[in-house]
N, C-alpha and C. Protein backbone atom coordinates (compact mmCIF):
# COMPACT_ATOMS: atom_id res chain seq x y z
N MET A 1 -32.75 -12.12 19.51
CA MET A 1 -33.14 -11.47 18.27
C MET A 1 -31.92 -11.32 17.36
N THR A 2 -32.05 -11.77 16.15
CA THR A 2 -30.97 -11.70 15.17
C THR A 2 -31.15 -10.50 14.26
N GLN A 3 -30.13 -10.22 13.45
CA GLN A 3 -30.21 -9.21 12.41
C GLN A 3 -29.92 -9.88 11.07
N HIS A 4 -30.78 -9.63 10.08
CA HIS A 4 -30.56 -10.13 8.72
C HIS A 4 -30.07 -8.95 7.87
N ILE A 5 -28.95 -9.14 7.18
CA ILE A 5 -28.45 -8.09 6.29
C ILE A 5 -28.20 -8.68 4.91
N GLU A 6 -28.35 -7.85 3.90
CA GLU A 6 -28.14 -8.25 2.52
C GLU A 6 -26.85 -7.61 2.00
N ILE A 7 -25.97 -8.43 1.44
CA ILE A 7 -24.73 -7.96 0.83
C ILE A 7 -24.53 -8.71 -0.47
N LYS A 8 -24.40 -7.99 -1.57
CA LYS A 8 -24.20 -8.62 -2.88
C LYS A 8 -25.25 -9.69 -3.16
N ASN A 9 -26.52 -9.38 -2.82
CA ASN A 9 -27.65 -10.28 -3.05
C ASN A 9 -27.54 -11.59 -2.26
N ASN A 10 -26.77 -11.57 -1.19
CA ASN A 10 -26.68 -12.71 -0.28
C ASN A 10 -27.16 -12.29 1.10
N THR A 11 -27.74 -13.23 1.82
CA THR A 11 -28.28 -12.95 3.16
C THR A 11 -27.34 -13.48 4.22
N PHE A 12 -27.03 -12.61 5.19
CA PHE A 12 -26.19 -12.97 6.32
C PHE A 12 -26.96 -12.70 7.60
N ILE A 13 -26.96 -13.67 8.49
CA ILE A 13 -27.68 -13.56 9.76
C ILE A 13 -26.66 -13.34 10.88
N LEU A 14 -26.80 -12.20 11.57
CA LEU A 14 -25.94 -11.89 12.70
C LEU A 14 -26.63 -12.36 13.97
N HIS A 15 -25.97 -13.23 14.71
CA HIS A 15 -26.60 -13.88 15.87
C HIS A 15 -25.98 -13.40 17.17
N PRO A 16 -26.76 -13.34 18.27
CA PRO A 16 -26.21 -12.91 19.57
C PRO A 16 -25.05 -13.76 20.09
N LEU A 17 -24.86 -14.94 19.55
CA LEU A 17 -23.70 -15.75 19.94
C LEU A 17 -22.41 -15.24 19.29
N SER A 18 -22.50 -14.09 18.59
CA SER A 18 -21.36 -13.47 17.92
C SER A 18 -20.88 -14.27 16.72
N VAL A 19 -21.82 -14.89 16.02
CA VAL A 19 -21.52 -15.64 14.81
C VAL A 19 -22.33 -15.08 13.65
N VAL A 20 -21.88 -15.40 12.44
CA VAL A 20 -22.58 -15.01 11.21
C VAL A 20 -22.95 -16.28 10.46
N PHE A 21 -24.18 -16.34 9.96
CA PHE A 21 -24.59 -17.46 9.12
C PHE A 21 -24.83 -16.95 7.72
N TRP A 22 -24.09 -17.49 6.76
CA TRP A 22 -24.23 -17.14 5.34
C TRP A 22 -25.26 -18.10 4.75
N LYS A 23 -26.45 -17.58 4.54
CA LYS A 23 -27.60 -18.42 4.22
C LYS A 23 -27.42 -19.18 2.91
N GLN A 24 -27.02 -18.49 1.85
CA GLN A 24 -26.93 -19.14 0.55
C GLN A 24 -25.89 -20.26 0.51
N LYS A 25 -24.82 -20.10 1.24
CA LYS A 25 -23.74 -21.09 1.25
C LYS A 25 -23.84 -22.07 2.42
N SER A 26 -24.76 -21.80 3.35
CA SER A 26 -24.89 -22.59 4.58
C SER A 26 -23.54 -22.70 5.30
N ILE A 27 -22.91 -21.52 5.48
CA ILE A 27 -21.63 -21.44 6.17
C ILE A 27 -21.82 -20.69 7.49
N LEU A 28 -21.39 -21.31 8.58
CA LEU A 28 -21.40 -20.66 9.88
C LEU A 28 -20.01 -20.08 10.12
N ILE A 29 -19.94 -18.76 10.31
CA ILE A 29 -18.67 -18.05 10.48
C ILE A 29 -18.47 -17.73 11.96
N ILE A 30 -17.35 -18.20 12.49
CA ILE A 30 -17.00 -17.99 13.90
C ILE A 30 -15.57 -17.47 13.95
N SER A 31 -15.33 -16.41 14.72
CA SER A 31 -13.99 -15.84 14.73
C SER A 31 -13.43 -15.75 16.15
N ASP A 32 -12.12 -15.93 16.24
CA ASP A 32 -11.37 -15.64 17.47
C ASP A 32 -11.94 -16.36 18.69
N VAL A 33 -11.97 -17.67 18.62
CA VAL A 33 -12.43 -18.46 19.77
C VAL A 33 -11.36 -18.49 20.86
N HIS A 34 -10.10 -18.57 20.46
CA HIS A 34 -8.97 -18.60 21.39
C HIS A 34 -9.10 -19.75 22.39
N LEU A 35 -9.37 -20.94 21.87
CA LEU A 35 -9.38 -22.12 22.74
C LEU A 35 -8.01 -22.25 23.41
N GLY A 36 -8.01 -22.74 24.62
CA GLY A 36 -6.77 -22.92 25.36
C GLY A 36 -6.36 -21.73 26.19
N LYS A 37 -6.98 -20.57 25.96
CA LYS A 37 -6.58 -19.38 26.70
C LYS A 37 -6.96 -19.49 28.18
N VAL A 38 -8.13 -20.04 28.44
CA VAL A 38 -8.56 -20.20 29.83
C VAL A 38 -7.60 -21.13 30.58
N SER A 39 -7.26 -22.25 29.94
CA SER A 39 -6.32 -23.19 30.57
C SER A 39 -4.96 -22.52 30.78
N HIS A 40 -4.57 -21.67 29.84
CA HIS A 40 -3.29 -20.95 29.96
C HIS A 40 -3.34 -20.03 31.19
N PHE A 41 -4.43 -19.30 31.35
CA PHE A 41 -4.58 -18.43 32.51
C PHE A 41 -4.52 -19.23 33.82
N ARG A 42 -5.25 -20.36 33.85
CA ARG A 42 -5.31 -21.17 35.06
C ARG A 42 -3.92 -21.74 35.40
N LYS A 43 -3.18 -22.11 34.38
CA LYS A 43 -1.84 -22.68 34.59
C LYS A 43 -0.94 -21.70 35.33
N PHE A 44 -1.14 -20.41 35.05
CA PHE A 44 -0.28 -19.41 35.68
C PHE A 44 -0.96 -18.71 36.85
N GLY A 45 -1.99 -19.38 37.41
CA GLY A 45 -2.54 -18.96 38.68
C GLY A 45 -3.70 -17.99 38.64
N ALA A 46 -4.21 -17.68 37.45
CA ALA A 46 -5.35 -16.77 37.36
C ALA A 46 -6.60 -17.46 37.91
N ALA A 47 -7.42 -16.69 38.60
CA ALA A 47 -8.62 -17.25 39.24
C ALA A 47 -9.76 -17.34 38.24
N VAL A 48 -9.60 -18.21 37.26
CA VAL A 48 -10.62 -18.43 36.24
C VAL A 48 -11.30 -19.76 36.54
N PRO A 49 -12.63 -19.80 36.66
CA PRO A 49 -13.30 -21.05 37.02
C PRO A 49 -13.12 -22.14 35.97
N GLN A 50 -13.00 -23.37 36.41
CA GLN A 50 -12.82 -24.52 35.53
C GLN A 50 -13.93 -24.62 34.50
N LYS A 51 -15.18 -24.29 34.90
CA LYS A 51 -16.31 -24.41 33.97
C LYS A 51 -16.20 -23.48 32.78
N ALA A 52 -15.34 -22.44 32.87
CA ALA A 52 -15.16 -21.53 31.74
C ALA A 52 -14.52 -22.24 30.55
N ILE A 53 -13.77 -23.30 30.80
CA ILE A 53 -13.15 -24.06 29.71
C ILE A 53 -14.22 -24.69 28.83
N GLN A 54 -15.23 -25.28 29.45
CA GLN A 54 -16.28 -25.97 28.71
C GLN A 54 -17.22 -24.98 28.01
N MET A 55 -17.26 -23.74 28.49
CA MET A 55 -18.23 -22.78 27.99
C MET A 55 -18.10 -22.53 26.49
N ASN A 56 -16.87 -22.38 26.00
CA ASN A 56 -16.69 -22.15 24.56
C ASN A 56 -17.26 -23.29 23.74
N PHE A 57 -17.03 -24.52 24.19
CA PHE A 57 -17.52 -25.68 23.44
C PHE A 57 -19.05 -25.75 23.48
N ASP A 58 -19.63 -25.44 24.62
CA ASP A 58 -21.09 -25.44 24.72
C ASP A 58 -21.70 -24.37 23.81
N LEU A 59 -21.08 -23.20 23.76
CA LEU A 59 -21.60 -22.13 22.92
C LEU A 59 -21.41 -22.44 21.44
N MET A 60 -20.30 -23.07 21.08
CA MET A 60 -20.11 -23.48 19.68
C MET A 60 -21.17 -24.50 19.28
N THR A 61 -21.44 -25.44 20.17
CA THR A 61 -22.49 -26.43 19.89
C THR A 61 -23.84 -25.75 19.72
N GLU A 62 -24.13 -24.78 20.57
CA GLU A 62 -25.40 -24.05 20.46
C GLU A 62 -25.51 -23.34 19.12
N ALA A 63 -24.41 -22.72 18.67
CA ALA A 63 -24.42 -22.02 17.39
C ALA A 63 -24.67 -22.98 16.23
N VAL A 64 -24.02 -24.14 16.28
CA VAL A 64 -24.22 -25.14 15.23
C VAL A 64 -25.66 -25.63 15.22
N GLN A 65 -26.22 -25.86 16.38
CA GLN A 65 -27.60 -26.33 16.46
C GLN A 65 -28.59 -25.29 15.96
N GLN A 66 -28.26 -24.03 16.10
CA GLN A 66 -29.14 -22.96 15.63
C GLN A 66 -29.30 -23.00 14.12
N PHE A 67 -28.22 -23.35 13.38
CA PHE A 67 -28.23 -23.18 11.93
C PHE A 67 -28.02 -24.47 11.14
N SER A 68 -27.53 -25.52 11.76
CA SER A 68 -27.23 -26.79 11.06
C SER A 68 -26.48 -26.53 9.76
N PRO A 69 -25.31 -25.89 9.82
CA PRO A 69 -24.59 -25.49 8.60
C PRO A 69 -23.97 -26.67 7.89
N LYS A 70 -23.71 -26.47 6.59
CA LYS A 70 -22.92 -27.45 5.84
C LYS A 70 -21.44 -27.28 6.13
N THR A 71 -21.05 -26.05 6.42
CA THR A 71 -19.64 -25.74 6.69
C THR A 71 -19.54 -24.86 7.92
N ILE A 72 -18.58 -25.17 8.79
CA ILE A 72 -18.22 -24.30 9.91
C ILE A 72 -16.88 -23.68 9.58
N CYS A 73 -16.85 -22.36 9.50
CA CYS A 73 -15.62 -21.65 9.13
C CYS A 73 -15.13 -20.83 10.32
N PHE A 74 -13.95 -21.18 10.82
CA PHE A 74 -13.32 -20.40 11.89
C PHE A 74 -12.40 -19.36 11.25
N LEU A 75 -12.65 -18.08 11.54
CA LEU A 75 -11.85 -17.01 10.93
C LEU A 75 -10.60 -16.70 11.76
N GLY A 76 -9.83 -17.71 12.06
CA GLY A 76 -8.54 -17.50 12.69
C GLY A 76 -8.58 -17.40 14.20
N ASP A 77 -7.38 -17.61 14.79
CA ASP A 77 -7.19 -17.62 16.23
C ASP A 77 -8.15 -18.58 16.91
N LEU A 78 -8.22 -19.77 16.34
CA LEU A 78 -9.05 -20.82 16.93
C LEU A 78 -8.45 -21.26 18.26
N PHE A 79 -7.12 -21.50 18.26
CA PHE A 79 -6.41 -21.79 19.50
C PHE A 79 -5.52 -20.60 19.85
N HIS A 80 -5.42 -20.34 21.14
CA HIS A 80 -4.67 -19.16 21.59
C HIS A 80 -3.17 -19.33 21.37
N SER A 81 -2.67 -20.54 21.55
CA SER A 81 -1.24 -20.77 21.37
C SER A 81 -1.00 -22.25 21.08
N SER A 82 -0.08 -22.86 21.79
CA SER A 82 0.25 -24.26 21.53
C SER A 82 -0.79 -25.19 22.16
N ILE A 83 -0.66 -26.46 21.87
CA ILE A 83 -1.62 -27.46 22.36
C ILE A 83 -1.55 -27.57 23.88
N ASN A 84 -2.72 -27.56 24.50
CA ASN A 84 -2.80 -27.88 25.92
C ASN A 84 -3.99 -28.83 26.11
N SER A 85 -4.49 -28.95 27.32
CA SER A 85 -5.54 -29.94 27.62
C SER A 85 -6.83 -29.70 26.83
N GLU A 86 -7.06 -28.48 26.37
CA GLU A 86 -8.29 -28.19 25.63
C GLU A 86 -8.29 -28.79 24.22
N TRP A 87 -7.12 -29.19 23.73
CA TRP A 87 -7.06 -29.83 22.41
C TRP A 87 -7.88 -31.13 22.42
N HIS A 88 -7.82 -31.88 23.49
CA HIS A 88 -8.56 -33.15 23.56
C HIS A 88 -10.07 -32.88 23.57
N LEU A 89 -10.49 -31.81 24.22
CA LEU A 89 -11.90 -31.43 24.18
C LEU A 89 -12.30 -31.03 22.76
N PHE A 90 -11.40 -30.36 22.08
CA PHE A 90 -11.66 -29.94 20.69
C PHE A 90 -11.77 -31.16 19.78
N GLU A 91 -10.89 -32.12 19.94
CA GLU A 91 -10.97 -33.35 19.15
C GLU A 91 -12.33 -34.02 19.32
N THR A 92 -12.79 -34.10 20.55
CA THR A 92 -14.10 -34.70 20.82
C THR A 92 -15.21 -33.89 20.17
N TRP A 93 -15.11 -32.57 20.26
CA TRP A 93 -16.13 -31.70 19.66
C TRP A 93 -16.18 -31.87 18.14
N ILE A 94 -15.02 -31.90 17.51
CA ILE A 94 -14.96 -32.07 16.06
C ILE A 94 -15.58 -33.40 15.64
N ALA A 95 -15.31 -34.45 16.38
CA ALA A 95 -15.84 -35.78 16.05
C ALA A 95 -17.36 -35.81 16.08
N GLN A 96 -17.97 -34.86 16.78
CA GLN A 96 -19.43 -34.82 16.89
C GLN A 96 -20.09 -34.00 15.78
N GLN A 97 -19.28 -33.36 14.93
CA GLN A 97 -19.84 -32.47 13.92
C GLN A 97 -20.08 -33.20 12.59
N ASP A 98 -21.23 -32.91 11.99
CA ASP A 98 -21.52 -33.44 10.66
C ASP A 98 -21.03 -32.50 9.56
N ALA A 99 -20.85 -31.23 9.89
CA ALA A 99 -20.45 -30.22 8.91
C ALA A 99 -18.96 -30.32 8.60
N GLU A 100 -18.59 -29.85 7.40
CA GLU A 100 -17.18 -29.65 7.08
C GLU A 100 -16.66 -28.52 7.97
N VAL A 101 -15.42 -28.66 8.45
CA VAL A 101 -14.84 -27.64 9.32
C VAL A 101 -13.57 -27.09 8.66
N VAL A 102 -13.52 -25.76 8.53
CA VAL A 102 -12.40 -25.09 7.88
C VAL A 102 -11.85 -24.03 8.82
N LEU A 103 -10.54 -23.95 8.93
CA LEU A 103 -9.87 -22.92 9.70
C LEU A 103 -9.10 -22.00 8.76
N VAL A 104 -9.47 -20.71 8.76
CA VAL A 104 -8.66 -19.70 8.09
C VAL A 104 -7.61 -19.25 9.09
N GLU A 105 -6.36 -19.48 8.78
CA GLU A 105 -5.29 -19.27 9.76
C GLU A 105 -5.22 -17.84 10.25
N GLY A 106 -5.03 -17.70 11.58
CA GLY A 106 -4.80 -16.40 12.19
C GLY A 106 -3.41 -16.33 12.79
N ASN A 107 -3.06 -15.20 13.36
CA ASN A 107 -1.72 -15.00 13.89
C ASN A 107 -1.44 -15.86 15.12
N HIS A 108 -2.47 -16.29 15.84
CA HIS A 108 -2.27 -17.15 17.01
C HIS A 108 -2.26 -18.63 16.64
N ASP A 109 -2.58 -18.95 15.41
CA ASP A 109 -2.71 -20.37 15.02
C ASP A 109 -1.35 -20.96 14.69
N ILE A 110 -0.65 -21.38 15.75
CA ILE A 110 0.71 -21.91 15.58
C ILE A 110 0.74 -23.43 15.61
N ILE A 111 -0.38 -24.06 15.90
CA ILE A 111 -0.45 -25.53 15.86
C ILE A 111 -0.35 -25.99 14.41
N SER A 112 0.40 -27.04 14.17
CA SER A 112 0.64 -27.53 12.81
C SER A 112 -0.67 -27.86 12.10
N PRO A 113 -0.80 -27.44 10.84
CA PRO A 113 -1.97 -27.83 10.05
C PRO A 113 -2.15 -29.35 9.97
N LEU A 114 -1.06 -30.08 10.09
CA LEU A 114 -1.15 -31.54 10.05
C LEU A 114 -1.96 -32.08 11.22
N LYS A 115 -1.85 -31.43 12.38
CA LYS A 115 -2.63 -31.85 13.54
C LYS A 115 -4.12 -31.65 13.28
N TYR A 116 -4.45 -30.50 12.65
CA TYR A 116 -5.84 -30.23 12.32
C TYR A 116 -6.36 -31.20 11.26
N GLU A 117 -5.56 -31.39 10.22
CA GLU A 117 -6.00 -32.27 9.13
C GLU A 117 -6.22 -33.70 9.61
N LYS A 118 -5.44 -34.11 10.62
CA LYS A 118 -5.57 -35.47 11.15
C LYS A 118 -6.94 -35.70 11.78
N ILE A 119 -7.55 -34.63 12.31
CA ILE A 119 -8.87 -34.77 12.94
C ILE A 119 -10.00 -34.26 12.03
N GLY A 120 -9.65 -33.93 10.77
CA GLY A 120 -10.68 -33.59 9.80
C GLY A 120 -10.94 -32.10 9.61
N VAL A 121 -10.03 -31.26 10.07
CA VAL A 121 -10.17 -29.81 9.90
C VAL A 121 -9.24 -29.35 8.79
N THR A 122 -9.79 -28.67 7.79
CA THR A 122 -9.00 -28.13 6.68
C THR A 122 -8.48 -26.75 7.05
N VAL A 123 -7.19 -26.51 6.84
CA VAL A 123 -6.56 -25.23 7.17
C VAL A 123 -6.20 -24.51 5.87
N VAL A 124 -6.64 -23.25 5.76
CA VAL A 124 -6.39 -22.45 4.55
C VAL A 124 -5.94 -21.05 4.96
N ALA A 125 -5.37 -20.32 3.99
CA ALA A 125 -4.95 -18.94 4.24
C ALA A 125 -6.12 -17.99 4.13
N GLU A 126 -7.08 -18.28 3.23
CA GLU A 126 -8.25 -17.44 3.01
C GLU A 126 -9.28 -18.22 2.21
N ILE A 127 -10.47 -17.67 2.12
CA ILE A 127 -11.52 -18.27 1.30
C ILE A 127 -12.09 -17.19 0.38
N GLN A 128 -12.20 -17.49 -0.91
CA GLN A 128 -12.84 -16.62 -1.88
C GLN A 128 -14.04 -17.34 -2.46
N ALA A 129 -15.20 -16.66 -2.48
CA ALA A 129 -16.41 -17.27 -3.05
C ALA A 129 -17.41 -16.19 -3.42
N ASP A 130 -17.79 -16.16 -4.70
CA ASP A 130 -18.87 -15.29 -5.17
C ASP A 130 -18.69 -13.83 -4.78
N GLY A 131 -17.47 -13.33 -4.88
CA GLY A 131 -17.21 -11.93 -4.57
C GLY A 131 -17.00 -11.65 -3.10
N PHE A 132 -16.91 -12.69 -2.28
CA PHE A 132 -16.65 -12.52 -0.85
C PHE A 132 -15.28 -13.09 -0.50
N LEU A 133 -14.63 -12.45 0.44
CA LEU A 133 -13.29 -12.83 0.88
C LEU A 133 -13.32 -13.03 2.39
N LEU A 134 -12.96 -14.22 2.84
CA LEU A 134 -12.95 -14.54 4.27
C LEU A 134 -11.50 -14.67 4.71
N THR A 135 -11.09 -13.80 5.64
CA THR A 135 -9.72 -13.78 6.14
C THR A 135 -9.73 -13.61 7.65
N HIS A 136 -8.55 -13.72 8.25
CA HIS A 136 -8.45 -13.41 9.68
C HIS A 136 -8.26 -11.91 9.89
N HIS A 137 -7.23 -11.35 9.26
CA HIS A 137 -6.99 -9.92 9.36
C HIS A 137 -7.91 -9.17 8.37
N PRO A 138 -8.42 -8.02 8.77
CA PRO A 138 -9.24 -7.22 7.84
C PRO A 138 -8.43 -6.84 6.60
N GLU A 139 -9.08 -6.94 5.44
CA GLU A 139 -8.41 -6.63 4.18
C GLU A 139 -9.31 -5.79 3.29
N GLU A 140 -8.69 -4.93 2.49
CA GLU A 140 -9.37 -4.21 1.43
C GLU A 140 -8.84 -4.77 0.12
N ARG A 141 -9.69 -5.49 -0.61
CA ARG A 141 -9.25 -6.07 -1.88
C ARG A 141 -10.31 -5.78 -2.94
N GLU A 142 -9.88 -5.21 -4.01
CA GLU A 142 -10.81 -4.76 -5.05
C GLU A 142 -11.69 -5.91 -5.55
N GLY A 143 -12.99 -5.65 -5.61
CA GLY A 143 -13.93 -6.63 -6.13
C GLY A 143 -14.49 -7.57 -5.09
N PHE A 144 -14.02 -7.47 -3.85
CA PHE A 144 -14.46 -8.39 -2.80
C PHE A 144 -15.07 -7.64 -1.62
N PHE A 145 -16.04 -8.29 -0.98
CA PHE A 145 -16.49 -7.88 0.35
C PHE A 145 -15.83 -8.82 1.34
N ASN A 146 -15.17 -8.26 2.33
CA ASN A 146 -14.33 -9.02 3.24
C ASN A 146 -15.01 -9.25 4.60
N PHE A 147 -15.03 -10.52 5.03
CA PHE A 147 -15.39 -10.87 6.40
C PHE A 147 -14.10 -11.25 7.13
N SER A 148 -13.89 -10.68 8.31
CA SER A 148 -12.65 -10.95 9.04
C SER A 148 -12.91 -10.88 10.54
N GLY A 149 -11.86 -11.16 11.30
CA GLY A 149 -11.92 -11.07 12.75
C GLY A 149 -10.76 -10.25 13.27
N HIS A 150 -9.99 -10.82 14.18
CA HIS A 150 -8.73 -10.29 14.68
C HIS A 150 -8.87 -9.09 15.61
N ILE A 151 -9.75 -8.15 15.27
CA ILE A 151 -9.82 -6.87 16.00
C ILE A 151 -10.55 -7.01 17.34
N HIS A 152 -11.48 -7.97 17.46
CA HIS A 152 -12.34 -8.10 18.63
C HIS A 152 -13.12 -6.79 18.86
N PRO A 153 -13.88 -6.33 17.86
CA PRO A 153 -14.48 -5.00 17.95
C PRO A 153 -15.53 -4.88 19.04
N ALA A 154 -15.59 -3.70 19.65
CA ALA A 154 -16.61 -3.35 20.64
C ALA A 154 -17.01 -1.90 20.41
N VAL A 155 -18.20 -1.54 20.88
CA VAL A 155 -18.69 -0.17 20.75
C VAL A 155 -19.07 0.33 22.14
N ARG A 156 -18.79 1.62 22.38
CA ARG A 156 -19.15 2.22 23.66
C ARG A 156 -20.43 3.02 23.49
N LEU A 157 -21.45 2.65 24.26
CA LEU A 157 -22.73 3.35 24.23
C LEU A 157 -22.80 4.28 25.43
N ARG A 158 -23.33 5.48 25.19
CA ARG A 158 -23.42 6.49 26.25
C ARG A 158 -24.87 6.83 26.53
N GLY A 159 -25.23 6.88 27.80
CA GLY A 159 -26.59 7.22 28.21
C GLY A 159 -26.72 8.69 28.56
N ALA A 160 -27.96 9.12 28.79
CA ALA A 160 -28.24 10.53 29.09
C ALA A 160 -27.61 10.96 30.41
N GLY A 161 -27.43 10.03 31.33
CA GLY A 161 -26.86 10.37 32.63
C GLY A 161 -25.36 10.15 32.72
N ARG A 162 -24.68 10.21 31.56
CA ARG A 162 -23.23 10.04 31.47
C ARG A 162 -22.77 8.60 31.72
N GLN A 163 -23.71 7.69 31.90
CA GLN A 163 -23.30 6.30 32.06
C GLN A 163 -22.87 5.73 30.71
N THR A 164 -21.95 4.81 30.74
CA THR A 164 -21.46 4.19 29.51
C THR A 164 -21.52 2.67 29.63
N LEU A 165 -21.61 2.05 28.48
CA LEU A 165 -21.65 0.58 28.40
C LEU A 165 -20.90 0.17 27.16
N ARG A 166 -19.97 -0.77 27.31
CA ARG A 166 -19.22 -1.26 26.16
C ARG A 166 -19.69 -2.66 25.81
N LEU A 167 -20.04 -2.85 24.54
CA LEU A 167 -20.55 -4.13 24.07
C LEU A 167 -19.76 -4.59 22.84
N PRO A 168 -19.55 -5.91 22.70
CA PRO A 168 -18.98 -6.41 21.46
C PRO A 168 -19.91 -6.08 20.30
N CYS A 169 -19.35 -6.04 19.09
CA CYS A 169 -20.18 -5.64 17.96
C CYS A 169 -19.69 -6.23 16.65
N PHE A 170 -20.60 -6.29 15.69
CA PHE A 170 -20.28 -6.50 14.29
C PHE A 170 -20.06 -5.12 13.68
N TYR A 171 -18.94 -4.92 13.02
CA TYR A 171 -18.56 -3.60 12.51
C TYR A 171 -18.50 -3.67 10.98
N LYS A 172 -19.43 -2.96 10.31
CA LYS A 172 -19.57 -3.07 8.86
C LYS A 172 -19.29 -1.74 8.16
N SER A 173 -18.43 -1.79 7.16
CA SER A 173 -18.23 -0.69 6.24
C SER A 173 -18.80 -1.09 4.88
N ASN A 174 -18.55 -0.29 3.87
CA ASN A 174 -19.06 -0.62 2.53
C ASN A 174 -18.36 -1.83 1.92
N THR A 175 -17.17 -2.16 2.42
CA THR A 175 -16.39 -3.22 1.78
C THR A 175 -16.04 -4.38 2.72
N GLN A 176 -16.39 -4.27 4.00
CA GLN A 176 -16.00 -5.36 4.90
C GLN A 176 -16.85 -5.37 6.16
N MET A 177 -16.85 -6.53 6.81
CA MET A 177 -17.45 -6.67 8.13
C MET A 177 -16.44 -7.36 9.04
N ILE A 178 -16.21 -6.77 10.21
CA ILE A 178 -15.34 -7.37 11.22
C ILE A 178 -16.25 -8.03 12.25
N VAL A 179 -16.04 -9.32 12.46
CA VAL A 179 -16.88 -10.14 13.32
C VAL A 179 -16.37 -10.09 14.75
N PRO A 180 -17.25 -10.00 15.74
CA PRO A 180 -16.78 -9.97 17.13
C PRO A 180 -16.12 -11.28 17.53
N ALA A 181 -15.25 -11.19 18.54
CA ALA A 181 -14.60 -12.39 19.06
C ALA A 181 -15.63 -13.29 19.73
N PHE A 182 -15.52 -14.58 19.45
CA PHE A 182 -16.44 -15.57 20.02
C PHE A 182 -16.01 -16.00 21.41
N GLY A 183 -14.70 -16.12 21.61
CA GLY A 183 -14.19 -16.73 22.83
C GLY A 183 -14.40 -15.92 24.08
N GLN A 184 -14.48 -16.63 25.20
CA GLN A 184 -14.56 -15.99 26.50
C GLN A 184 -13.16 -15.48 26.89
N PHE A 185 -13.08 -14.39 27.62
CA PHE A 185 -11.83 -13.84 28.12
C PHE A 185 -10.87 -13.43 27.00
N THR A 186 -11.42 -12.90 25.91
CA THR A 186 -10.58 -12.51 24.78
C THR A 186 -10.20 -11.04 24.80
N GLY A 187 -10.97 -10.20 25.49
CA GLY A 187 -10.73 -8.76 25.46
C GLY A 187 -11.35 -8.15 24.22
N HIS A 188 -11.47 -6.82 24.22
CA HIS A 188 -12.11 -6.12 23.10
C HIS A 188 -11.36 -4.84 22.77
N PHE A 189 -11.55 -4.39 21.52
CA PHE A 189 -11.00 -3.12 21.07
C PHE A 189 -12.16 -2.20 20.72
N THR A 190 -12.23 -1.04 21.38
CA THR A 190 -13.33 -0.11 21.15
C THR A 190 -13.10 0.63 19.84
N ILE A 191 -14.04 0.51 18.92
CA ILE A 191 -13.90 1.11 17.60
C ILE A 191 -14.40 2.56 17.61
N SER A 192 -14.01 3.31 16.57
CA SER A 192 -14.50 4.67 16.34
C SER A 192 -15.09 4.71 14.93
N PRO A 193 -16.35 4.33 14.79
CA PRO A 193 -16.93 4.21 13.45
C PRO A 193 -17.09 5.54 12.74
N LYS A 194 -17.02 5.47 11.40
CA LYS A 194 -17.32 6.63 10.56
C LYS A 194 -18.84 6.72 10.37
N LYS A 195 -19.29 7.85 9.89
CA LYS A 195 -20.72 8.05 9.68
C LYS A 195 -21.30 7.08 8.66
N THR A 196 -20.49 6.64 7.73
CA THR A 196 -20.96 5.71 6.69
C THR A 196 -20.93 4.25 7.13
N ASP A 197 -20.35 3.98 8.29
CA ASP A 197 -20.27 2.60 8.80
C ASP A 197 -21.55 2.21 9.52
N LYS A 198 -21.74 0.91 9.67
CA LYS A 198 -22.85 0.40 10.47
C LYS A 198 -22.29 -0.45 11.60
N VAL A 199 -22.87 -0.29 12.77
CA VAL A 199 -22.41 -1.02 13.95
C VAL A 199 -23.60 -1.76 14.55
N PHE A 200 -23.43 -3.06 14.76
CA PHE A 200 -24.46 -3.91 15.34
C PHE A 200 -23.95 -4.43 16.68
N ALA A 201 -24.47 -3.86 17.77
CA ALA A 201 -24.04 -4.26 19.11
C ALA A 201 -24.63 -5.61 19.47
N VAL A 202 -23.92 -6.33 20.34
CA VAL A 202 -24.30 -7.70 20.71
C VAL A 202 -24.53 -7.79 22.21
N THR A 203 -25.69 -8.29 22.60
CA THR A 203 -25.95 -8.69 23.98
C THR A 203 -26.23 -10.19 23.98
N LYS A 204 -26.49 -10.75 25.14
CA LYS A 204 -26.79 -12.18 25.21
C LYS A 204 -28.10 -12.53 24.50
N GLU A 205 -29.00 -11.55 24.41
CA GLU A 205 -30.32 -11.83 23.84
C GLU A 205 -30.52 -11.30 22.43
N ALA A 206 -29.71 -10.31 22.00
CA ALA A 206 -30.05 -9.63 20.76
C ALA A 206 -28.82 -9.03 20.08
N VAL A 207 -28.99 -8.80 18.77
CA VAL A 207 -28.06 -8.00 17.97
C VAL A 207 -28.88 -6.81 17.48
N PHE A 208 -28.40 -5.58 17.74
CA PHE A 208 -29.17 -4.41 17.33
C PHE A 208 -28.26 -3.34 16.78
N GLU A 209 -28.76 -2.59 15.78
CA GLU A 209 -27.98 -1.55 15.16
C GLU A 209 -27.96 -0.32 16.05
N VAL A 210 -26.79 0.30 16.16
CA VAL A 210 -26.64 1.50 17.00
C VAL A 210 -26.14 2.67 16.15
């Protein structure tokens, strides 16, 4: 189950895959994939299953198939660090895409833009369009509604029996939305929303407001 929200007379679809689809622009927004992190963990002896490497690519493909976007926009931290074996998987994945692919640089994106451009990925510092600002780090900029990542937001839900559950979430204020991390094994930061904020928790099956 998805959530449809209206911002500045534009429709955005929040999907359980932790992506946003901007309907009017046909842009699929994906943040903080951190490709290469699983391989990095495995290199240093962490007991992470090999199939976890392919999982990010399979989920990205599923997200693209859901919306058939004209543009795929990664909101930073596409790769966790320098090039490793997952770069070749990424090259193959990019070659299979019909959509334009754009990377908004994040703090982990240390791979040369020339490497991305060689395989058809455009690298930019930010995107401005129709009063919307797409960045990696959350920003407050007058006249813009900001979509960003970086924080890996999560919300803690509490039950009547003192049980708690922490879920990734889309975190929306009046001027910005922070998109949950897409990548596996990325970690999360538990937010403390204000009363005026909206929080949309994410499970494998649904996005729901809490």
